[in-house]
């Protein structure tokens, strides 16, 4: 992926942190998802007093993209204050549903990329659709 696109994703994800609804954890997370068609979908974390129904920024962006007909993802930037907010297990599983080699970019509050990895590195041996389709 071109460095300009990585930088753009990091900045957009950092900007999305402002949209977070975080009255309980006060931990703002923003996400910017790049599809293979070149579109960018954004997300932020949204908390709820009933914690299990809260949603992470990553899944917000992915679900927005899917609801618009996009299912081929190239990369996602995830921005937190310190740039070390790795995706949770639920987000990793959702990411692996759509791409086993999507780039994962962690960014800090200013949008600077701090970590570059992939979903296959973060979730080795993922349970993916091909496991069900092979039956």
N, C-alpha and C. Protein backbone atom coordinates (compact mmCIF):
# COMPACT_ATOMS: atom_id res chain seq x y z
N UNK A 1 0.85 -1.18 0.00
CA UNK A 1 0.00 0.00 0.00
C UNK A 1 0.90 1.24 0.00
N UNK A 2 0.50 2.23 -0.73
CA UNK A 2 1.29 3.45 -0.81
C UNK A 2 1.32 4.16 0.53
N UNK A 3 2.46 4.76 0.84
CA UNK A 3 2.61 5.45 2.12
C UNK A 3 1.60 6.57 2.29
N UNK A 4 1.23 7.25 1.18
CA UNK A 4 0.25 8.34 1.28
C UNK A 4 -1.09 7.82 1.79
N UNK A 5 -1.50 6.64 1.31
CA UNK A 5 -2.78 6.07 1.75
C UNK A 5 -2.71 5.68 3.22
N UNK A 6 -1.58 5.13 3.65
CA UNK A 6 -1.42 4.77 5.05
C UNK A 6 -1.54 6.01 5.93
N UNK A 7 -0.85 7.06 5.52
CA UNK A 7 -0.90 8.32 6.27
C UNK A 7 -2.31 8.86 6.33
N UNK A 8 -3.00 8.84 5.18
CA UNK A 8 -4.38 9.31 5.11
C UNK A 8 -5.28 8.51 6.06
N UNK A 9 -5.15 7.18 6.05
CA UNK A 9 -5.97 6.34 6.93
C UNK A 9 -5.71 6.66 8.40
N UNK A 10 -4.45 6.82 8.75
CA UNK A 10 -4.09 7.14 10.13
C UNK A 10 -4.71 8.45 10.59
N UNK A 11 -4.65 9.46 9.74
CA UNK A 11 -5.22 10.78 10.08
C UNK A 11 -6.75 10.70 10.21
N UNK A 12 -7.39 10.00 9.29
CA UNK A 12 -8.85 9.88 9.35
C UNK A 12 -9.27 9.13 10.62
N UNK A 13 -8.57 8.04 10.93
CA UNK A 13 -8.88 7.27 12.14
C UNK A 13 -8.71 8.14 13.38
N UNK A 14 -7.64 8.93 13.43
CA UNK A 14 -7.42 9.81 14.57
C UNK A 14 -8.55 10.84 14.68
N UNK A 15 -8.99 11.38 13.56
CA UNK A 15 -10.10 12.34 13.58
C UNK A 15 -11.39 11.69 14.08
N UNK A 16 -11.59 10.43 13.75
CA UNK A 16 -12.81 9.73 14.15
C UNK A 16 -12.90 9.52 15.66
N UNK A 17 -11.79 9.58 16.35
CA UNK A 17 -11.81 9.44 17.82
C UNK A 17 -12.73 10.47 18.45
N UNK A 18 -12.84 11.65 17.83
CA UNK A 18 -13.69 12.72 18.37
C UNK A 18 -15.16 12.33 18.39
N UNK A 19 -15.55 11.39 17.52
CA UNK A 19 -16.94 11.00 17.42
C UNK A 19 -17.33 9.90 18.42
N UNK A 20 -16.36 9.35 19.11
CA UNK A 20 -16.61 8.26 20.05
C UNK A 20 -17.61 8.66 21.12
N UNK A 21 -18.45 7.71 21.50
CA UNK A 21 -19.37 7.87 22.63
C UNK A 21 -18.82 6.97 23.73
N UNK A 22 -18.13 7.57 24.70
CA UNK A 22 -17.36 6.81 25.68
C UNK A 22 -17.56 7.32 27.11
N UNK A 23 -18.80 7.39 27.59
CA UNK A 23 -19.03 7.94 28.92
C UNK A 23 -18.51 7.06 30.06
N UNK A 24 -18.17 5.81 29.78
CA UNK A 24 -17.77 4.87 30.83
C UNK A 24 -16.27 4.63 30.85
N UNK A 25 -15.70 4.26 29.73
CA UNK A 25 -14.26 3.95 29.70
C UNK A 25 -13.40 5.19 29.45
N UNK A 26 -13.95 6.19 28.79
CA UNK A 26 -13.20 7.38 28.38
C UNK A 26 -12.00 7.01 27.49
N UNK A 27 -12.14 5.92 26.75
CA UNK A 27 -11.09 5.40 25.87
C UNK A 27 -11.56 5.54 24.42
N UNK A 28 -11.17 6.64 23.78
CA UNK A 28 -11.63 6.93 22.42
C UNK A 28 -10.83 6.15 21.38
N UNK A 29 -11.57 5.52 20.46
CA UNK A 29 -10.95 4.77 19.36
C UNK A 29 -11.63 5.19 18.07
N UNK A 30 -10.82 5.43 17.05
CA UNK A 30 -11.34 5.73 15.72
C UNK A 30 -10.79 4.73 14.73
N UNK A 31 -11.52 4.50 13.66
CA UNK A 31 -11.07 3.55 12.63
C UNK A 31 -11.36 4.11 11.25
N UNK A 32 -10.48 3.76 10.31
CA UNK A 32 -10.68 4.10 8.90
C UNK A 32 -10.35 2.85 8.10
N UNK A 33 -11.34 2.35 7.37
CA UNK A 33 -11.24 1.11 6.62
C UNK A 33 -11.13 1.42 5.13
N UNK A 34 -10.09 0.91 4.50
CA UNK A 34 -9.89 1.09 3.06
C UNK A 34 -10.33 -0.17 2.34
N UNK A 35 -11.27 -0.02 1.41
CA UNK A 35 -11.71 -1.16 0.61
C UNK A 35 -10.82 -1.29 -0.62
N UNK A 36 -10.85 -2.45 -1.22
CA UNK A 36 -10.04 -2.66 -2.42
C UNK A 36 -10.52 -1.80 -3.59
N UNK A 37 -11.77 -1.31 -3.51
CA UNK A 37 -12.27 -0.40 -4.55
C UNK A 37 -11.78 1.03 -4.33
N UNK A 38 -11.12 1.27 -3.20
CA UNK A 38 -10.56 2.59 -2.91
C UNK A 38 -11.40 3.46 -2.00
N UNK A 39 -12.57 2.99 -1.59
CA UNK A 39 -13.43 3.76 -0.69
C UNK A 39 -12.93 3.62 0.75
N UNK A 40 -13.20 4.64 1.54
CA UNK A 40 -12.85 4.62 2.97
C UNK A 40 -14.13 4.72 3.79
N UNK A 41 -14.27 3.82 4.75
CA UNK A 41 -15.39 3.82 5.68
C UNK A 41 -14.82 4.07 7.07
N UNK A 42 -15.53 4.84 7.86
CA UNK A 42 -15.03 5.21 9.17
C UNK A 42 -15.88 4.62 10.29
N UNK A 43 -15.30 4.62 11.47
CA UNK A 43 -16.03 4.15 12.64
C UNK A 43 -15.42 4.69 13.91
N UNK A 44 -16.20 4.65 14.97
CA UNK A 44 -15.72 5.02 16.30
C UNK A 44 -16.34 4.04 17.29
N UNK A 45 -15.77 3.97 18.48
CA UNK A 45 -16.37 3.10 19.47
C UNK A 45 -17.57 3.78 20.10
N UNK A 46 -18.58 2.97 20.39
CA UNK A 46 -19.83 3.47 20.95
C UNK A 46 -20.19 2.58 22.14
N UNK A 47 -20.15 3.17 23.32
CA UNK A 47 -20.43 2.41 24.54
C UNK A 47 -21.91 2.46 24.90
N UNK A 48 -22.27 1.55 25.80
CA UNK A 48 -23.63 1.46 26.28
C UNK A 48 -23.56 1.06 27.75
N UNK A 49 -24.52 1.52 28.54
CA UNK A 49 -24.54 1.15 29.96
C UNK A 49 -24.56 -0.36 30.14
N UNK A 50 -25.19 -1.07 29.21
CA UNK A 50 -25.13 -2.54 29.19
C UNK A 50 -23.92 -2.89 28.33
N UNK A 51 -22.76 -3.01 28.97
CA UNK A 51 -21.48 -3.14 28.26
C UNK A 51 -21.46 -4.10 27.07
N UNK A 52 -22.06 -5.28 27.16
CA UNK A 52 -21.94 -6.21 26.03
C UNK A 52 -22.51 -5.70 24.71
N UNK A 53 -23.38 -4.71 24.74
CA UNK A 53 -23.93 -4.22 23.48
C UNK A 53 -23.16 -3.02 22.92
N UNK A 54 -22.05 -2.68 23.55
CA UNK A 54 -21.17 -1.66 22.99
C UNK A 54 -20.53 -2.20 21.71
N UNK A 55 -19.98 -1.31 20.88
CA UNK A 55 -19.34 -1.75 19.65
C UNK A 55 -18.02 -1.00 19.46
N UNK A 56 -17.06 -1.72 18.95
CA UNK A 56 -15.74 -1.16 18.70
C UNK A 56 -15.72 -0.36 17.40
N UNK A 57 -14.75 0.53 17.29
CA UNK A 57 -14.61 1.37 16.10
C UNK A 57 -14.39 0.52 14.85
N UNK A 58 -13.59 -0.54 14.98
CA UNK A 58 -13.27 -1.38 13.83
C UNK A 58 -14.53 -2.03 13.24
N UNK A 59 -15.34 -2.61 14.13
CA UNK A 59 -16.56 -3.26 13.65
C UNK A 59 -17.57 -2.25 13.13
N UNK A 60 -17.61 -1.05 13.71
CA UNK A 60 -18.49 -0.02 13.18
C UNK A 60 -18.14 0.26 11.72
N UNK A 61 -16.85 0.47 11.43
CA UNK A 61 -16.41 0.75 10.06
C UNK A 61 -16.70 -0.42 9.13
N UNK A 62 -16.41 -1.63 9.59
CA UNK A 62 -16.63 -2.81 8.74
C UNK A 62 -18.12 -3.00 8.46
N UNK A 63 -18.96 -2.88 9.47
CA UNK A 63 -20.39 -3.07 9.27
C UNK A 63 -20.97 -1.98 8.37
N UNK A 64 -20.46 -0.75 8.48
CA UNK A 64 -20.90 0.30 7.56
C UNK A 64 -20.54 -0.07 6.12
N UNK A 65 -19.32 -0.55 5.92
CA UNK A 65 -18.89 -0.92 4.57
C UNK A 65 -19.74 -2.05 4.02
N UNK A 66 -19.95 -3.08 4.81
CA UNK A 66 -20.74 -4.22 4.36
C UNK A 66 -22.16 -3.79 4.04
N UNK A 67 -22.72 -2.91 4.86
CA UNK A 67 -24.10 -2.44 4.62
C UNK A 67 -24.21 -1.62 3.34
N UNK A 68 -23.07 -1.17 2.82
CA UNK A 68 -23.04 -0.41 1.57
C UNK A 68 -22.58 -1.30 0.40
N UNK A 69 -22.45 -2.60 0.64
CA UNK A 69 -22.11 -3.54 -0.43
C UNK A 69 -20.64 -3.85 -0.60
N UNK A 70 -19.79 -3.32 0.27
CA UNK A 70 -18.34 -3.57 0.18
C UNK A 70 -17.96 -4.75 1.06
N UNK A 71 -17.17 -5.66 0.51
CA UNK A 71 -16.74 -6.82 1.30
C UNK A 71 -15.27 -7.17 1.08
N UNK A 72 -14.58 -6.40 0.24
CA UNK A 72 -13.17 -6.66 -0.04
C UNK A 72 -12.34 -5.53 0.57
N UNK A 73 -11.62 -5.87 1.64
CA UNK A 73 -10.90 -4.85 2.39
C UNK A 73 -9.40 -4.97 2.22
N UNK A 74 -8.75 -3.83 2.08
CA UNK A 74 -7.29 -3.79 1.92
C UNK A 74 -6.58 -3.49 3.23
N UNK A 75 -7.12 -2.53 4.00
CA UNK A 75 -6.43 -2.10 5.22
C UNK A 75 -7.40 -1.40 6.15
N UNK A 76 -7.04 -1.41 7.42
CA UNK A 76 -7.79 -0.64 8.42
C UNK A 76 -6.78 0.03 9.35
N UNK A 77 -7.01 1.32 9.61
CA UNK A 77 -6.22 2.04 10.60
C UNK A 77 -7.08 2.19 11.85
N UNK A 78 -6.45 1.97 13.00
CA UNK A 78 -7.12 2.05 14.29
C UNK A 78 -6.33 3.04 15.14
N UNK A 79 -6.99 4.13 15.54
CA UNK A 79 -6.29 5.17 16.29
C UNK A 79 -6.73 5.21 17.75
N UNK A 80 -5.75 5.25 18.63
CA UNK A 80 -5.97 5.42 20.06
C UNK A 80 -5.01 6.51 20.54
N UNK A 81 -5.11 6.89 21.77
CA UNK A 81 -4.24 7.96 22.30
C UNK A 81 -2.76 7.64 22.08
N UNK A 82 -2.35 6.44 22.48
CA UNK A 82 -0.92 6.09 22.42
C UNK A 82 -0.52 5.30 21.18
N UNK A 83 -1.48 4.94 20.34
CA UNK A 83 -1.15 4.21 19.12
C UNK A 83 -0.86 2.74 19.33
N UNK A 84 -1.25 2.20 20.47
CA UNK A 84 -0.98 0.79 20.75
C UNK A 84 -2.26 0.02 21.08
N UNK A 85 -3.39 0.49 20.56
CA UNK A 85 -4.68 -0.16 20.82
C UNK A 85 -4.97 -1.23 19.78
N UNK A 86 -4.48 -2.43 20.04
CA UNK A 86 -4.72 -3.55 19.13
C UNK A 86 -6.20 -3.92 19.12
N UNK A 87 -6.69 -4.47 18.01
CA UNK A 87 -8.09 -4.88 17.95
C UNK A 87 -8.38 -6.01 18.93
N UNK A 88 -9.59 -5.99 19.48
CA UNK A 88 -10.00 -7.05 20.41
C UNK A 88 -10.26 -8.34 19.62
N UNK A 89 -10.51 -9.42 20.32
CA UNK A 89 -10.75 -10.71 19.69
C UNK A 89 -11.97 -10.71 18.77
N UNK A 90 -13.04 -10.05 19.18
CA UNK A 90 -14.24 -9.99 18.34
C UNK A 90 -13.94 -9.26 17.03
N UNK A 91 -13.22 -8.16 17.11
CA UNK A 91 -12.87 -7.42 15.90
C UNK A 91 -11.95 -8.24 15.00
N UNK A 92 -11.00 -8.94 15.58
CA UNK A 92 -10.11 -9.78 14.79
C UNK A 92 -10.90 -10.85 14.03
N UNK A 93 -11.88 -11.44 14.71
CA UNK A 93 -12.70 -12.46 14.07
C UNK A 93 -13.51 -11.88 12.92
N UNK A 94 -14.10 -10.71 13.13
CA UNK A 94 -14.88 -10.06 12.07
C UNK A 94 -13.97 -9.71 10.89
N UNK A 95 -12.79 -9.18 11.17
CA UNK A 95 -11.85 -8.86 10.09
C UNK A 95 -11.50 -10.10 9.28
N UNK A 96 -11.26 -11.21 9.97
CA UNK A 96 -10.85 -12.44 9.28
C UNK A 96 -11.98 -13.02 8.43
N UNK A 97 -13.21 -12.64 8.70
CA UNK A 97 -14.34 -13.08 7.89
C UNK A 97 -14.21 -12.58 6.45
N UNK A 98 -13.61 -11.41 6.30
CA UNK A 98 -13.55 -10.77 4.99
C UNK A 98 -12.18 -10.80 4.34
N UNK A 99 -11.11 -10.95 5.12
CA UNK A 99 -9.78 -10.92 4.53
C UNK A 99 -8.77 -11.55 5.48
N UNK A 100 -8.01 -12.49 4.97
CA UNK A 100 -6.98 -13.11 5.80
C UNK A 100 -5.66 -12.34 5.72
N UNK A 101 -5.58 -11.37 4.82
CA UNK A 101 -4.32 -10.63 4.69
C UNK A 101 -4.49 -9.12 4.75
N UNK A 102 -5.59 -8.65 5.32
CA UNK A 102 -5.81 -7.21 5.45
C UNK A 102 -4.71 -6.60 6.31
N UNK A 103 -4.21 -5.44 5.87
CA UNK A 103 -3.21 -4.72 6.66
C UNK A 103 -3.90 -4.05 7.84
N UNK A 104 -3.27 -4.13 9.00
CA UNK A 104 -3.75 -3.49 10.21
C UNK A 104 -2.73 -2.43 10.58
N UNK A 105 -3.19 -1.19 10.65
CA UNK A 105 -2.31 -0.07 10.98
C UNK A 105 -2.77 0.54 12.30
N UNK A 106 -1.90 0.58 13.28
CA UNK A 106 -2.22 1.24 14.54
C UNK A 106 -1.67 2.66 14.47
N UNK A 107 -2.46 3.61 14.94
CA UNK A 107 -2.06 5.02 14.87
C UNK A 107 -2.29 5.67 16.22
N UNK A 108 -1.53 6.74 16.47
CA UNK A 108 -1.71 7.49 17.71
C UNK A 108 -2.74 8.60 17.51
N UNK A 109 -2.91 9.44 18.52
CA UNK A 109 -3.93 10.48 18.50
C UNK A 109 -3.73 11.52 17.40
N UNK A 110 -2.51 11.62 16.88
CA UNK A 110 -2.24 12.55 15.79
C UNK A 110 -2.33 11.87 14.43
N UNK A 111 -2.55 10.57 14.43
CA UNK A 111 -2.66 9.84 13.18
C UNK A 111 -1.37 9.24 12.68
N UNK A 112 -0.31 9.33 13.47
CA UNK A 112 0.98 8.73 13.08
C UNK A 112 0.91 7.22 13.23
N UNK A 113 1.30 6.50 12.19
CA UNK A 113 1.28 5.04 12.23
C UNK A 113 2.39 4.56 13.16
N UNK A 114 2.02 3.75 14.15
CA UNK A 114 2.98 3.24 15.14
C UNK A 114 3.29 1.76 14.94
N UNK A 115 2.33 1.01 14.40
CA UNK A 115 2.50 -0.43 14.19
C UNK A 115 1.84 -0.80 12.87
N UNK A 116 2.50 -1.66 12.10
CA UNK A 116 1.92 -2.23 10.89
C UNK A 116 1.97 -3.74 11.01
N UNK A 117 0.82 -4.38 10.86
CA UNK A 117 0.74 -5.83 10.95
C UNK A 117 -0.37 -6.30 10.01
N UNK A 118 -0.78 -7.54 10.14
CA UNK A 118 -1.86 -8.06 9.30
C UNK A 118 -2.80 -8.88 10.16
N UNK A 119 -3.99 -9.13 9.65
CA UNK A 119 -4.94 -9.92 10.41
C UNK A 119 -4.43 -11.36 10.57
N UNK A 120 -3.73 -11.88 9.57
CA UNK A 120 -3.21 -13.24 9.69
C UNK A 120 -2.15 -13.34 10.79
N UNK A 121 -1.43 -12.26 11.04
CA UNK A 121 -0.46 -12.25 12.14
C UNK A 121 -1.16 -12.13 13.49
N UNK A 122 -2.25 -11.36 13.53
CA UNK A 122 -2.95 -11.15 14.80
C UNK A 122 -3.89 -12.28 15.17
N UNK A 123 -4.34 -13.06 14.16
CA UNK A 123 -5.27 -14.15 14.43
C UNK A 123 -4.89 -15.38 13.62
N UNK A 124 -3.76 -16.00 13.97
CA UNK A 124 -3.37 -17.20 13.23
C UNK A 124 -4.37 -18.32 13.47
N UNK A 125 -4.61 -19.10 12.45
CA UNK A 125 -5.55 -20.21 12.57
C UNK A 125 -6.99 -19.77 12.72
N UNK A 126 -7.32 -18.61 12.17
CA UNK A 126 -8.67 -18.06 12.32
C UNK A 126 -9.73 -19.01 11.80
N UNK A 127 -10.89 -18.95 12.42
CA UNK A 127 -12.05 -19.70 11.94
C UNK A 127 -12.70 -18.84 10.88
N UNK A 128 -12.54 -19.23 9.62
CA UNK A 128 -12.98 -18.42 8.49
C UNK A 128 -14.08 -19.14 7.70
N UNK A 129 -14.75 -18.41 6.80
CA UNK A 129 -15.85 -19.01 6.04
C UNK A 129 -15.48 -20.30 5.32
N UNK A 130 -14.25 -20.42 4.86
CA UNK A 130 -13.86 -21.65 4.15
C UNK A 130 -13.93 -22.88 5.03
N UNK A 131 -13.85 -22.71 6.35
CA UNK A 131 -13.97 -23.85 7.26
C UNK A 131 -15.39 -24.41 7.22
N UNK A 132 -16.38 -23.54 7.06
CA UNK A 132 -17.76 -24.00 6.98
C UNK A 132 -18.12 -24.48 5.60
N UNK A 133 -17.58 -23.83 4.59
CA UNK A 133 -17.92 -24.17 3.21
C UNK A 133 -17.31 -25.49 2.75
N UNK A 134 -16.30 -25.95 3.47
CA UNK A 134 -15.65 -27.22 3.08
C UNK A 134 -16.39 -28.44 3.58
N UNK A 135 -17.47 -28.27 4.28
CA UNK A 135 -18.22 -29.40 4.84
C UNK A 135 -19.22 -29.93 3.87
